[in-house]
Amino acid sequence: MTAKEEKLQFIRERIKQLREFLLTSNQVLSLNVDGMSVSFDRAGAIKELQDLERQEMNLLRPNNWMRSVDLSQAFS
């Protein structure tokens, strides 16, 4: 397995964990992954999920980065 495939697999596992957490009514989450423990609240989970989804998209479509650049304020 290549490094890119390993990273994608890790990202998808974290996305799955975060989505499961967000579907519950728990306010705080503590995850243990490979001996590392992480605790965060729902707002932190949502932010991490968005970041991971962006990373997943970048790994799946590496030439798609231009579509995520916000130029709305570039010429103001």
C-alpha atoms as a PDB file:
ATOM      1  CA  MET A   1       0.000   0.000   0.000  1.00  0.00           C
ATOM      2  CA  THR A   2       1.381   3.407  -0.959  1.00  0.00           C
ATOM      3  CA  ALA A   3       1.660   6.331   1.446  1.00  0.00           C
ATOM      4  CA  LYS A   4      -1.191   8.092  -0.377  1.00  0.00           C
ATOM      5  CA  GLU A   5      -3.441   5.039   0.005  1.00  0.00           C
ATOM      6  CA  GLU A   6      -2.568   4.740   3.710  1.00  0.00           C
ATOM      7  CA  LYS A   7      -3.343   8.416   4.293  1.00  0.00           C
ATOM      8  CA  LEU A   8      -6.638   8.102   2.426  1.00  0.00           C
ATOM      9  CA  GLN A   9      -7.547   5.022   4.480  1.00  0.00           C
ATOM     10  CA  PHE A  10      -6.752   6.844   7.739  1.00  0.00           C
ATOM     11  CA  ILE A  11      -8.745   9.912   6.682  1.00  0.00           C
ATOM     12  CA  ARG A  12     -11.760   7.795   5.725  1.00  0.00           C
ATOM     13  CA  GLU A  13     -11.664   5.969   9.077  1.00  0.00           C
ATOM     14  CA  ARG A  14     -11.582   9.299  10.972  1.00  0.00           C
ATOM     15  CA  ILE A  15     -14.437  10.648   8.831  1.00  0.00           C
ATOM     16  CA  LYS A  16     -16.476   7.551   9.694  1.00  0.00           C
ATOM     17  CA  GLN A  17     -15.749   7.969  13.426  1.00  0.00           C
ATOM     18  CA  LEU A  18     -16.636  11.659  13.394  1.00  0.00           C
ATOM     19  CA  ARG A  19     -19.885  11.110  11.491  1.00  0.00           C
ATOM     20  CA  GLU A  20     -20.912   8.397  13.958  1.00  0.00           C
ATOM     21  CA  PHE A  21     -20.171  10.766  16.849  1.00  0.00           C
ATOM     22  CA  LEU A  22     -22.128  13.623  15.281  1.00  0.00           C
ATOM     23  CA  LEU A  23     -25.167  11.356  14.853  1.00  0.00           C
ATOM     24  CA  THR A  24     -25.250  10.760  18.622  1.00  0.00           C
ATOM     25  CA  SER A  25     -26.428  13.238  21.213  1.00  0.00           C
ATOM     26  CA  ASN A  26     -23.126  13.169  23.123  1.00  0.00           C
ATOM     27  CA  GLN A  27     -21.556  16.566  23.752  1.00  0.00           C
ATOM     28  CA  VAL A  28     -17.950  15.401  24.245  1.00  0.00           C
ATOM     29  CA  LEU A  29     -16.058  12.655  22.484  1.00  0.00           C
ATOM     30  CA  SER A  30     -12.877  10.842  23.387  1.00  0.00           C
ATOM     31  CA  LEU A  31     -11.359   8.678  20.667  1.00  0.00           C
ATOM     32  CA  ASN A  32      -8.484   6.235  20.917  1.00  0.00           C
ATOM     33  CA  VAL A  33      -6.704   5.561  17.635  1.00  0.00           C
ATOM     34  CA  ASP A  34      -3.478   3.557  17.525  1.00  0.00           C
ATOM     35  CA  GLY A  35      -2.730   4.342  21.178  1.00  0.00           C
ATOM     36  CA  MET A  36      -3.402   8.073  20.823  1.00  0.00           C
ATOM     37  CA  SER A  37      -6.314   9.631  22.697  1.00  0.00           C
ATOM     38  CA  VAL A  38      -8.143  12.713  21.405  1.00  0.00           C
ATOM     39  CA  SER A  39     -11.023  14.565  23.073  1.00  0.00           C
ATOM     40  CA  PHE A  40     -13.151  17.301  21.511  1.00  0.00           C
ATOM     41  CA  ASP A  41     -16.661  18.733  21.434  1.00  0.00           C
ATOM     42  CA  ARG A  42     -19.216  18.845  18.620  1.00  0.00           C
ATOM     43  CA  ALA A  43     -17.886  22.113  17.173  1.00  0.00           C
ATOM     44  CA  GLY A  44     -14.380  20.635  17.096  1.00  0.00           C
ATOM     45  CA  ALA A  45     -15.723  17.460  15.493  1.00  0.00           C
ATOM     46  CA  ILE A  46     -17.510  19.424  12.776  1.00  0.00           C
ATOM     47  CA  LYS A  47     -14.382  21.449  12.002  1.00  0.00           C
ATOM     48  CA  GLU A  48     -12.182  18.356  11.877  1.00  0.00           C
ATOM     49  CA  LEU A  49     -14.737  16.564   9.688  1.00  0.00           C
ATOM     50  CA  GLN A  50     -14.766  19.452   7.207  1.00  0.00           C
ATOM     51  CA  ASP A  51     -10.956  19.523   7.126  1.00  0.00           C
ATOM     52  CA  LEU A  52     -10.758  15.763   6.611  1.00  0.00           C
ATOM     53  CA  GLU A  53     -13.382  15.822   3.853  1.00  0.00           C
ATOM     54  CA  ARG A  54     -11.337  18.511   2.086  1.00  0.00           C
ATOM     55  CA  GLN A  55      -8.166  16.406   2.452  1.00  0.00           C
ATOM     56  CA  GLU A  56     -10.001  13.352   1.127  1.00  0.00           C
ATOM     57  CA  MET A  57     -11.167  15.313  -1.922  1.00  0.00           C
ATOM     58  CA  ASN A  58      -7.633  16.585  -2.539  1.00  0.00           C
ATOM     59  CA  LEU A  59      -6.271  13.034  -2.425  1.00  0.00           C
ATOM     60  CA  LEU A  60      -8.966  11.725  -4.763  1.00  0.00           C
ATOM     61  CA  ARG A  61      -8.740  14.634  -7.211  1.00  0.00           C
ATOM     62  CA  PRO A  62      -5.290  16.217  -6.880  1.00  0.00           C
ATOM     63  CA  ASN A  63      -5.763  18.519  -9.892  1.00  0.00           C
ATOM     64  CA  ASN A  64      -9.010  19.925  -8.493  1.00  0.00           C
ATOM     65  CA  TRP A  65      -7.392  22.398  -6.056  1.00  0.00           C
ATOM     66  CA  MET A  66      -8.240  25.480  -8.123  1.00  0.00           C
ATOM     67  CA  ARG A  67     -11.976  25.035  -7.516  1.00  0.00           C
ATOM     68  CA  SER A  68     -11.531  25.579  -3.776  1.00  0.00           C
ATOM     69  CA  VAL A  69      -9.776  28.969  -4.093  1.00  0.00           C
ATOM     70  CA  ASP A  70     -12.051  31.827  -3.013  1.00  0.00           C
ATOM     71  CA  LEU A  71     -11.482  34.797  -5.321  1.00  0.00           C
ATOM     72  CA  SER A  72     -14.612  36.698  -4.316  1.00  0.00           C
ATOM     73  CA  GLN A  73     -12.587  39.421  -2.543  1.00  0.00           C
ATOM     74  CA  ALA A  74      -9.571  39.362  -4.889  1.00  0.00           C
ATOM     75  CA  PHE A  75     -10.477  42.435  -6.940  1.00  0.00           C
ATOM     76  CA  SER A  76     -12.269  44.602  -4.348  1.00  0.00           C
END
